[in-house]
Amino acid sequence: MFILTDTIVALATPPGEGAIGIIRLSGPEAIAIADQLFKGKRLAKQLTHTLHFGKILDADKIIDEVVISIFRGPKSYTGEDVIEISCHGSPYVLQKIIDLCLRHGARMAKPGEFTLRAFLKGKIDLTQAEAVADLIASQAEASHHAAMHNLRGGFSYELKQMREELIKFSALIELELDFSQEDVEFADRKQLYDLIQRINELVQALVDSFRLGNVIKHGLSVAIIGKPNAGKSTLLNALLNEDRAIVSDIAGTTRDTIEEVLNINGVIFRLIDTAGIREHTTDAIEKIGVQRSKDARGKADVVIYLFDVNELSQEEIEERIGEFKKEGIRYLLAGNKADKLPAGTEPVFFTAELPILFISARDKKNIDQLKDALFDLVMAGKLKQEGTIVTNARHYGALQDLLNSLHDIKKSMDENLPGDLIALDIRRSLHFLGDITGEVTTEDKLDYIFSKFCIGK
């Protein structure tokens, strides 16, 4: 059972040394516990949303000079009385203050317990609670934007509108059951059918947005592949604008995959530099690297096929394209070492039907254009999409269940089934909507969701 009658404490800032650390207390005794440690103004007599400077004492020993923030419930993050102690970020000082709080009656918070209390107190719904974790984990503008939209209730509002309209029709249909012998109809079947059709379109759009949402939340993997000595490691360094991979004129220098992160226009791309692929190597270690390159190609969201414009023929390029298309791989073609071509020379196999971006990884020529091409290939204006983008796999599963349930409602109406069966289908739809926002949930599910949060949030 969830206990809301005790007071919890945890470090709210990352562990380790820092200029400032924040310790958070929440619960009915938060202010009283802080008062026992604090030498300064009596906190119990102070107004909410105020700051107070003083010292934390262990008996007569000064532990640190601190600033204490007071947030009285229900106008706080958790809906309870909250104290935040801002002190110096020494691991010793932080642990000492936490130990003092524990000694005076607090207990250590579990992962996500502050946000769990906010949910249980009705301060936020479950989609907003999960958006808190997404916001903390966001690494780029796109994931930050999606998390903020959900945290501010954008997704919740859309679901609430659907739920209210379905509840209205459910109530009218169930009212008909009370007058079944009088053969009356309170719920306009055409209006209900139109409503189900409209909700179905909205939910389908949300389900379809999950692919984009998954990209925004987790990023895309991009495998840089090609023959040995094509310049893959040089390209990786050029894209990152730093010397991350070892570069050598000796073919086969890269023996294993190297993964690095690149932010392009607010989206994370996980670049994988692979070993050069040549089929007839006798080096056992190189063979392993080649196999890992092929594995990376199969798992990647996008492949950059890099080749030396001075060596590769049009036939070889077309052969690689055929492989990519057969395997359903999205790809970019990059002709490297264009700086070594004679002045004014263009490769003979460049045609409109065979678009290739010519670059010089060594001189960083056209690298920005390659980044733009990579972004356009996978995003294609999708970030301009307004409204909610589903990034949570749990929401995606519930929305798919909701789609199936909406289909059952339409089928029941098409077959002129009795109102009690239609009402049952509507209740199932309401269940899946409530499952997303937390209006229908279980303790086991909440434990699982909040266990993935960091302690202190």
Protein backbone atom coordinates (compact mmCIF):
# COMPACT_ATOMS: atom_id res chain seq x y z
CA MET A 1 0.00 0.00 0.00
CA PHE A 2 1.17 3.54 -0.72
CA ILE A 3 1.84 5.44 2.52
CA LEU A 4 1.23 9.20 2.45
CA THR A 5 1.31 9.80 6.20
CA ASP A 6 5.09 9.77 6.64
CA THR A 7 7.78 12.21 5.54
CA ILE A 8 10.36 11.31 2.90
CA VAL A 9 13.81 12.72 2.16
CA ALA A 10 16.25 12.38 -0.73
CA LEU A 11 19.00 14.17 -2.58
CA ALA A 12 17.38 16.05 -5.48
CA THR A 13 20.61 16.92 -7.30
CA PRO A 14 23.05 14.45 -8.90
CA PRO A 15 25.40 12.68 -6.45
CA GLY A 16 29.04 13.73 -6.35
CA GLU A 17 30.89 16.98 -5.78
CA GLY A 18 29.29 20.23 -6.89
CA ALA A 19 28.93 23.86 -5.95
CA ILE A 20 25.38 23.34 -4.67
CA GLY A 21 23.37 20.32 -3.57
CA ILE A 22 19.64 20.23 -2.81
CA ILE A 23 17.99 17.92 -0.31
CA ARG A 24 14.22 17.59 -0.51
CA LEU A 25 11.77 16.70 2.26
CA SER A 26 8.06 16.07 1.66
CA GLY A 27 5.31 15.08 4.06
CA PRO A 28 3.38 16.23 7.13
CA GLU A 29 6.52 16.53 9.29
CA ALA A 30 8.79 18.12 6.69
CA ILE A 31 8.77 21.59 8.27
CA ALA A 32 8.99 20.24 11.84
CA ILE A 33 12.00 18.04 10.97
CA ALA A 34 13.78 20.93 9.23
CA ASP A 35 13.10 23.16 12.27
CA GLN A 36 14.97 20.72 14.51
CA LEU A 37 18.10 21.00 12.37
CA PHE A 38 17.97 24.67 11.36
CA LYS A 39 19.41 27.59 13.29
CA GLY A 40 17.76 30.70 11.99
CA LYS A 41 14.13 31.80 11.80
CA ARG A 42 11.52 29.38 13.12
CA LEU A 43 10.36 27.75 9.90
CA ALA A 44 6.94 26.74 11.26
CA LYS A 45 6.02 30.44 11.52
CA GLN A 46 7.16 31.40 8.03
CA LEU A 47 5.02 31.86 4.95
CA THR A 48 4.94 29.44 2.04
CA HIS A 49 7.20 30.03 -0.96
CA THR A 50 9.85 31.87 1.07
CA LEU A 51 13.63 31.44 1.43
CA HIS A 52 15.58 31.52 4.70
CA PHE A 53 19.31 31.63 5.39
CA GLY A 54 20.81 29.89 8.39
CA LYS A 55 22.89 26.95 9.60
CA ILE A 56 22.29 23.20 9.87
CA LEU A 57 23.42 21.90 13.26
CA ASP A 58 24.15 18.45 14.64
CA ALA A 59 23.77 19.20 18.35
CA ASP A 60 26.11 22.22 18.67
CA LYS A 61 28.26 21.32 15.65
CA ILE A 62 27.76 23.39 12.48
CA ILE A 63 27.40 21.15 9.42
CA ASP A 64 26.88 23.85 6.80
CA GLU A 65 25.40 27.24 6.01
CA VAL A 66 22.25 26.72 3.94
CA VAL A 67 19.23 28.33 2.31
CA ILE A 68 15.91 26.65 3.07
CA SER A 69 12.90 26.92 0.75
CA ILE A 70 9.40 26.41 2.18
CA PHE A 71 6.48 25.18 0.08
CA ARG A 72 3.33 24.50 2.07
CA GLY A 73 0.76 22.05 0.75
CA PRO A 74 -1.35 21.94 -1.26
CA LYS A 75 0.56 24.62 -3.22
CA SER A 76 3.67 22.50 -3.70
CA TYR A 77 4.97 19.98 -6.21
CA THR A 78 3.80 16.98 -4.18
CA GLY A 79 0.69 18.64 -2.71
CA GLU A 80 2.27 18.19 0.74
CA ASP A 81 4.51 20.40 2.85
CA VAL A 82 7.89 20.47 1.10
CA ILE A 83 11.27 21.68 2.35
CA GLU A 84 14.27 22.08 0.08
CA ILE A 85 17.68 22.53 1.71
CA SER A 86 20.26 24.16 -0.56
CA CYS A 87 23.73 23.50 0.81
CA HIS A 88 27.28 23.12 -0.47
CA GLY A 89 27.67 20.14 -2.78
CA SER A 90 30.12 18.16 -0.66
CA PRO A 91 29.19 14.45 -0.60
CA TYR A 92 29.99 14.44 3.13
CA VAL A 93 27.76 17.46 3.86
CA LEU A 94 24.89 16.10 1.77
CA GLN A 95 24.96 12.68 3.41
CA LYS A 96 25.30 14.21 6.87
CA ILE A 97 22.19 16.37 6.42
CA ILE A 98 20.23 13.41 5.02
CA ASP A 99 21.32 11.29 8.01
CA LEU A 100 20.11 14.03 10.37
CA CYS A 101 16.71 14.11 8.62
CA LEU A 102 16.46 10.31 8.95
CA ARG A 103 17.40 10.50 12.60
CA HIS A 104 14.61 13.00 13.24
CA GLY A 105 11.86 10.90 11.71
CA ALA A 106 12.07 11.02 7.89
CA ARG A 107 12.63 7.97 5.72
CA MET A 108 14.52 7.64 2.44
CA ALA A 109 12.36 8.25 -0.61
CA LYS A 110 12.00 5.55 -3.23
CA PRO A 111 12.73 6.28 -6.92
CA GLY A 112 10.12 8.70 -8.24
CA GLU A 113 8.26 8.91 -4.92
CA PHE A 114 7.98 12.70 -4.90
CA THR A 115 6.31 12.61 -8.33
CA LEU A 116 4.22 9.60 -7.26
CA ARG A 117 2.87 11.65 -4.34
CA ALA A 118 2.09 14.50 -6.74
CA PHE A 119 0.07 12.02 -8.82
CA LEU A 120 -1.72 10.46 -5.83
CA LYS A 121 -2.57 13.94 -4.51
CA GLY A 122 -4.11 14.87 -7.87
CA LYS A 123 -1.54 17.53 -8.73
CA ILE A 124 -0.74 15.84 -12.06
CA ASP A 125 -2.07 12.88 -14.02
CA LEU A 126 -0.01 9.88 -15.08
CA THR A 127 0.91 11.24 -18.53
CA GLN A 128 2.28 14.39 -16.88
CA ALA A 129 4.15 12.32 -14.29
CA GLU A 130 5.81 10.28 -17.04
CA ALA A 131 6.60 13.52 -18.88
CA VAL A 132 8.64 14.58 -15.84
CA ALA A 133 10.93 11.57 -16.34
CA ASP A 134 11.09 12.26 -20.10
CA LEU A 135 12.00 15.91 -19.45
CA ILE A 136 14.85 14.91 -17.13
CA ALA A 137 16.12 12.40 -19.72
CA SER A 138 15.79 14.76 -22.72
CA GLN A 139 19.07 15.30 -24.56
CA ALA A 140 17.93 17.54 -27.42
CA GLU A 141 15.41 20.23 -28.33
CA ALA A 142 12.91 17.87 -29.96
CA SER A 143 12.66 15.51 -26.96
CA HIS A 144 12.52 18.51 -24.61
CA HIS A 145 9.67 20.04 -26.63
CA ALA A 146 7.65 16.79 -26.64
CA ALA A 147 8.13 16.31 -22.88
CA MET A 148 7.14 19.90 -22.10
CA HIS A 149 3.99 19.58 -24.21
CA ASN A 150 2.91 16.54 -22.19
CA LEU A 151 4.00 18.03 -18.86
CA ARG A 152 1.83 21.08 -19.48
CA GLY A 153 -1.14 18.80 -20.07
CA GLY A 154 -1.42 18.90 -23.87
CA PHE A 155 -1.80 15.13 -24.24
CA SER A 156 -4.02 14.91 -21.15
CA TYR A 157 -6.37 17.54 -22.58
CA GLU A 158 -6.88 15.59 -25.81
CA LEU A 159 -7.64 12.39 -23.86
CA LYS A 160 -9.94 14.23 -21.46
CA GLN A 161 -12.02 15.59 -24.35
CA MET A 162 -12.42 12.10 -25.82
CA ARG A 163 -13.30 10.63 -22.43
CA GLU A 164 -15.95 13.24 -21.61
CA GLU A 165 -17.76 12.77 -24.94
CA LEU A 166 -17.70 8.98 -24.61
CA ILE A 167 -18.96 9.17 -21.02
CA LYS A 168 -21.91 11.29 -22.14
CA PHE A 169 -23.02 8.73 -24.73
CA SER A 170 -22.34 5.84 -22.37
CA ALA A 171 -24.64 7.44 -19.79
CA LEU A 172 -27.40 7.99 -22.35
CA ILE A 173 -27.22 4.41 -23.64
CA GLU A 174 -27.27 2.99 -20.12
CA LEU A 175 -30.24 5.25 -19.35
CA GLU A 176 -32.06 3.60 -22.26
CA LEU A 177 -31.60 0.25 -20.52
CA ASP A 178 -33.65 1.54 -17.59
CA PHE A 179 -36.51 2.25 -20.01
CA SER A 180 -36.01 -0.80 -22.19
CA GLN A 181 -39.68 -1.78 -22.05
CA GLU A 182 -40.77 1.62 -23.33
CA ASP A 183 -38.58 1.41 -26.46
CA VAL A 184 -37.09 4.91 -26.12
CA GLU A 185 -33.78 6.13 -27.54
CA PHE A 186 -31.84 8.85 -25.69
CA ALA A 187 -28.54 8.47 -27.54
CA ASP A 188 -28.59 9.58 -31.16
CA ARG A 189 -26.92 6.66 -32.95
CA LYS A 190 -25.75 8.81 -35.87
CA GLN A 191 -24.11 11.32 -33.55
CA LEU A 192 -22.43 8.47 -31.67
CA TYR A 193 -21.21 6.90 -34.91
CA ASP A 194 -19.77 10.25 -36.07
CA LEU A 195 -18.12 10.71 -32.67
CA ILE A 196 -16.53 7.25 -32.81
CA GLN A 197 -15.27 7.97 -36.32
CA ARG A 198 -13.75 11.30 -35.21
CA ILE A 199 -12.11 9.80 -32.12
CA ASN A 200 -10.81 6.93 -34.23
CA GLU A 201 -9.08 9.41 -36.56
CA LEU A 202 -7.55 11.29 -33.61
CA VAL A 203 -6.31 8.10 -31.97
CA GLN A 204 -4.93 6.76 -35.26
CA ALA A 205 -2.96 10.00 -35.70
CA LEU A 206 -1.54 9.56 -32.18
CA VAL A 207 -0.60 5.94 -32.90
CA ASP A 208 1.03 6.96 -36.18
CA SER A 209 3.05 9.65 -34.37
CA PHE A 210 4.80 7.03 -32.20
CA ARG A 211 7.40 6.25 -34.85
CA LEU A 212 8.43 9.91 -34.87
CA GLY A 213 8.14 10.01 -31.08
CA ASN A 214 10.48 7.07 -30.73
CA VAL A 215 13.03 8.89 -32.89
CA ILE A 216 12.65 12.06 -30.81
CA LYS A 217 13.04 10.22 -27.52
CA HIS A 218 15.78 7.73 -28.34
CA GLY A 219 17.46 9.16 -31.45
CA LEU A 220 18.38 7.38 -34.68
CA SER A 221 21.26 5.04 -35.32
CA VAL A 222 23.34 5.87 -38.39
CA ALA A 223 25.89 3.33 -39.66
CA ILE A 224 28.75 4.71 -41.74
CA ILE A 225 29.79 1.84 -44.01
CA GLY A 226 32.00 1.32 -47.03
CA LYS A 227 35.19 -0.30 -48.24
CA PRO A 228 38.42 -0.12 -46.23
CA ASN A 229 40.18 3.25 -46.47
CA ALA A 230 37.12 5.01 -47.90
CA GLY A 231 37.47 7.62 -45.12
CA LYS A 232 34.76 6.48 -42.69
CA SER A 233 36.71 7.40 -39.56
CA THR A 234 37.70 10.73 -41.08
CA LEU A 235 34.03 11.39 -41.84
CA LEU A 236 33.04 10.53 -38.26
CA ASN A 237 35.61 13.00 -36.97
CA ALA A 238 34.41 15.66 -39.43
CA LEU A 239 30.76 15.22 -38.42
CA LEU A 240 31.67 15.44 -34.72
CA ASN A 241 34.21 18.22 -35.37
CA GLU A 242 36.73 16.40 -33.18
CA ASP A 243 39.31 13.62 -33.48
CA ARG A 244 37.32 10.73 -32.07
CA ALA A 245 38.40 7.87 -34.36
CA ILE A 246 41.92 6.86 -35.34
CA VAL A 247 42.66 7.86 -38.93
CA SER A 248 45.31 6.11 -41.04
CA ASP A 249 46.09 5.44 -44.69
CA ILE A 250 46.48 1.78 -43.77
CA ALA A 251 43.36 -0.13 -44.85
CA GLY A 252 41.61 -2.00 -42.02
CA THR A 253 42.71 0.35 -39.21
CA THR A 254 39.20 0.36 -37.73
CA ARG A 255 38.61 -3.14 -36.35
CA ASP A 256 35.50 -2.54 -34.21
CA THR A 257 32.46 -0.30 -34.30
CA ILE A 258 32.73 3.13 -32.65
CA GLU A 259 29.55 4.92 -31.57
CA GLU A 260 29.19 8.66 -30.95
CA VAL A 261 26.26 11.07 -30.57
CA LEU A 262 25.52 14.01 -32.88
CA ASN A 263 22.77 16.59 -32.42
CA ILE A 264 21.33 17.84 -35.71
CA ASN A 265 18.55 20.45 -35.49
CA GLY A 266 17.45 19.20 -32.08
CA VAL A 267 17.40 15.48 -32.96
CA ILE A 268 19.94 12.95 -31.68
CA PHE A 269 21.77 10.84 -34.27
CA ARG A 270 23.91 7.96 -32.97
CA LEU A 271 26.76 7.63 -35.46
CA ILE A 272 28.42 4.23 -35.81
CA ASP A 273 31.82 4.08 -37.51
CA THR A 274 32.26 0.54 -38.80
CA ALA A 275 35.16 -1.56 -40.03
CA GLY A 276 35.69 -1.48 -43.77
CA ILE A 277 33.81 -4.26 -45.57
CA ARG A 278 35.95 -6.49 -47.78
CA GLU A 279 34.88 -10.03 -48.36
CA HIS A 280 38.20 -11.86 -48.75
CA THR A 281 40.33 -10.73 -45.81
CA THR A 282 42.46 -13.42 -44.13
CA ASP A 283 42.88 -11.45 -40.88
CA ALA A 284 40.79 -13.18 -38.19
CA ILE A 285 40.25 -10.00 -36.16
CA GLU A 286 39.34 -8.02 -39.28
CA LYS A 287 36.79 -10.71 -40.17
CA ILE A 288 35.08 -10.14 -36.82
CA GLY A 289 35.06 -6.39 -37.48
CA VAL A 290 33.56 -6.90 -40.94
CA GLN A 291 30.80 -9.08 -39.50
CA ARG A 292 30.02 -6.44 -36.86
CA SER A 293 29.82 -3.85 -39.64
CA LYS A 294 27.26 -5.96 -41.46
CA ASP A 295 25.29 -6.40 -38.22
CA ALA A 296 25.37 -2.63 -37.61
CA ARG A 297 24.09 -2.02 -41.14
CA GLY A 298 21.13 -4.33 -40.56
CA LYS A 299 20.19 -2.71 -37.24
CA ALA A 300 20.74 0.92 -38.22
CA ASP A 301 17.86 3.30 -38.95
CA VAL A 302 19.93 4.92 -41.71
CA VAL A 303 23.09 3.96 -43.59
CA ILE A 304 25.63 6.39 -45.01
CA TYR A 305 27.42 4.50 -47.77
CA LEU A 306 30.80 6.16 -48.18
CA PHE A 307 33.05 5.47 -51.13
CA ASP A 308 36.20 6.84 -52.73
CA VAL A 309 35.10 8.71 -55.87
CA ASN A 310 38.45 7.87 -57.47
CA GLU A 311 37.97 4.11 -57.17
CA LEU A 312 34.34 3.00 -57.22
CA SER A 313 32.37 2.38 -60.40
CA GLN A 314 28.74 3.13 -61.16
CA GLU A 315 28.02 -0.61 -61.32
CA GLU A 316 29.28 -1.11 -57.76
CA ILE A 317 27.19 1.82 -56.53
CA GLU A 318 24.06 0.43 -58.18
CA GLU A 319 24.79 -2.99 -56.66
CA ARG A 320 24.93 -1.48 -53.16
CA ILE A 321 21.69 0.44 -53.79
CA GLY A 322 20.00 -2.78 -54.86
CA GLU A 323 21.07 -4.42 -51.58
CA PHE A 324 19.77 -1.52 -49.50
CA LYS A 325 16.42 -1.49 -51.26
CA LYS A 326 16.06 -5.27 -50.92
CA GLU A 327 16.74 -5.04 -47.18
CA GLY A 328 14.49 -1.98 -46.74
CA ILE A 329 17.38 0.20 -45.56
CA ARG A 330 17.20 4.00 -45.77
CA TYR A 331 20.50 5.26 -47.15
CA LEU A 332 22.59 8.21 -48.24
CA LEU A 333 25.38 8.01 -50.83
CA ALA A 334 28.49 10.04 -50.08
CA GLY A 335 31.39 10.22 -52.51
CA ASN A 336 34.49 11.02 -50.48
CA LYS A 337 37.92 12.39 -51.46
CA ALA A 338 36.39 14.70 -54.07
CA ASP A 339 39.32 17.02 -53.31
CA LYS A 340 41.63 14.59 -55.13
CA LEU A 341 39.75 14.85 -58.43
CA PRO A 342 41.33 17.04 -61.13
CA ALA A 343 39.99 20.60 -61.13
CA GLY A 344 36.62 20.86 -62.89
CA THR A 345 36.16 17.09 -63.02
CA GLU A 346 32.91 15.39 -62.02
CA PRO A 347 32.55 11.60 -61.54
CA VAL A 348 31.03 10.13 -64.69
CA PHE A 349 28.40 8.14 -62.78
CA PHE A 350 26.68 11.19 -61.26
CA THR A 351 23.14 11.40 -62.70
CA ALA A 352 19.78 12.72 -61.56
CA GLU A 353 18.61 9.15 -61.05
CA LEU A 354 21.65 8.39 -58.88
CA PRO A 355 21.96 11.34 -56.43
CA ILE A 356 25.29 11.42 -54.64
CA LEU A 357 26.62 14.05 -52.27
CA PHE A 358 30.29 14.69 -52.96
CA ILE A 359 32.37 15.53 -49.93
CA SER A 360 35.89 15.79 -48.67
CA ALA A 361 35.90 14.45 -45.12
CA ARG A 362 39.54 15.51 -44.69
CA ASP A 363 38.86 19.13 -45.70
CA LYS A 364 35.34 19.09 -44.15
CA LYS A 365 33.87 20.11 -47.50
CA ASN A 366 30.05 19.73 -47.76
CA ILE A 367 29.84 18.19 -44.27
CA ASP A 368 27.04 20.59 -43.28
CA GLN A 369 25.17 19.62 -46.43
CA LEU A 370 25.55 15.96 -45.47
CA LYS A 371 24.09 16.71 -42.03
CA ASP A 372 21.14 18.50 -43.64
CA ALA A 373 20.57 15.61 -46.05
CA LEU A 374 20.65 13.14 -43.15
CA PHE A 375 18.12 15.18 -41.19
CA ASP A 376 15.81 15.65 -44.19
CA LEU A 377 15.92 11.94 -45.03
CA VAL A 378 14.42 10.87 -41.71
CA MET A 379 12.47 13.91 -40.52
CA ALA A 380 11.16 15.51 -43.74
CA GLY A 381 9.36 18.38 -41.98
CA LYS A 382 7.78 16.13 -39.36
CA LEU A 383 9.01 18.26 -36.46
CA LYS A 384 6.64 21.00 -37.61
CA GLN A 385 3.77 18.74 -36.57
CA GLU A 386 1.53 20.50 -34.07
CA GLY A 387 -0.07 18.81 -31.09
CA THR A 388 0.89 15.64 -29.27
CA ILE A 389 3.61 13.27 -30.43
CA VAL A 390 3.47 9.95 -28.59
CA THR A 391 6.88 9.02 -27.19
CA ASN A 392 5.87 6.50 -24.51
CA ALA A 393 5.57 2.80 -25.39
CA ARG A 394 2.95 2.28 -22.66
CA HIS A 395 0.76 5.00 -24.16
CA TYR A 396 1.24 3.49 -27.61
CA GLY A 397 0.04 0.08 -26.43
CA ALA A 398 -3.03 1.53 -24.70
CA LEU A 399 -3.89 3.60 -27.78
CA GLN A 400 -3.74 0.49 -29.96
CA ASP A 401 -6.11 -1.25 -27.52
CA LEU A 402 -8.36 1.80 -27.73
CA LEU A 403 -8.40 1.60 -31.53
CA ASN A 404 -9.52 -2.03 -31.35
CA SER A 405 -12.23 -1.11 -28.86
CA LEU A 406 -13.49 1.74 -31.05
CA HIS A 407 -13.65 -0.72 -33.95
CA ASP A 408 -15.80 -3.00 -31.79
CA ILE A 409 -18.21 -0.12 -31.07
CA LYS A 410 -18.60 0.63 -34.78
CA LYS A 411 -19.08 -3.06 -35.54
CA SER A 412 -21.76 -3.37 -32.85
CA MET A 413 -23.61 -0.37 -34.27
CA ASP A 414 -23.31 -1.65 -37.84
CA GLU A 415 -24.84 -4.95 -36.72
CA ASN A 416 -27.59 -3.18 -34.71
CA LEU A 417 -26.59 -4.97 -31.51
CA PRO A 418 -28.46 -4.16 -28.27
CA GLY A 419 -27.56 -1.06 -26.28
CA ASP A 420 -26.11 -3.04 -23.36
CA LEU A 421 -23.44 -4.53 -25.66
CA ILE A 422 -22.62 -1.11 -27.13
CA ALA A 423 -22.37 0.29 -23.61
CA LEU A 424 -19.95 -2.50 -22.71
CA ASP A 425 -17.72 -1.64 -25.67
CA ILE A 426 -17.77 2.04 -24.69
CA ARG A 427 -16.77 1.16 -21.11
CA ARG A 428 -13.80 -0.79 -22.51
CA SER A 429 -12.75 2.29 -24.49
CA LEU A 430 -13.05 4.43 -21.37
CA HIS A 431 -10.89 1.92 -19.52
CA PHE A 432 -8.05 2.23 -22.05
CA LEU A 433 -8.28 6.04 -21.97
CA GLY A 434 -8.19 5.98 -18.17
CA ASP A 435 -5.25 3.59 -18.23
CA ILE A 436 -3.14 6.21 -20.02
CA THR A 437 -3.95 9.09 -17.66
CA GLY A 438 -3.97 6.98 -14.50
CA GLU A 439 -7.69 7.21 -13.78
CA VAL A 440 -7.68 3.41 -14.06
CA THR A 441 -4.54 1.83 -12.66
CA THR A 442 -3.07 -0.60 -10.13
CA GLU A 443 -0.37 -0.30 -7.51
CA ASP A 444 1.81 -2.80 -9.38
CA LYS A 445 1.65 -0.66 -12.51
CA LEU A 446 2.48 2.51 -10.58
CA ASP A 447 5.38 0.78 -8.83
CA TYR A 448 6.76 -0.25 -12.22
CA ILE A 449 6.36 3.21 -13.80
CA PHE A 450 7.87 5.19 -10.93
CA SER A 451 10.67 2.71 -10.25
CA LYS A 452 12.30 3.99 -13.47
CA PHE A 453 12.51 7.54 -12.07
CA CYS A 454 15.63 8.90 -10.40
CA ILE A 455 15.63 9.13 -6.61
CA GLY A 456 14.81 12.67 -5.49
CA LYS A 457 12.20 13.23 -8.20
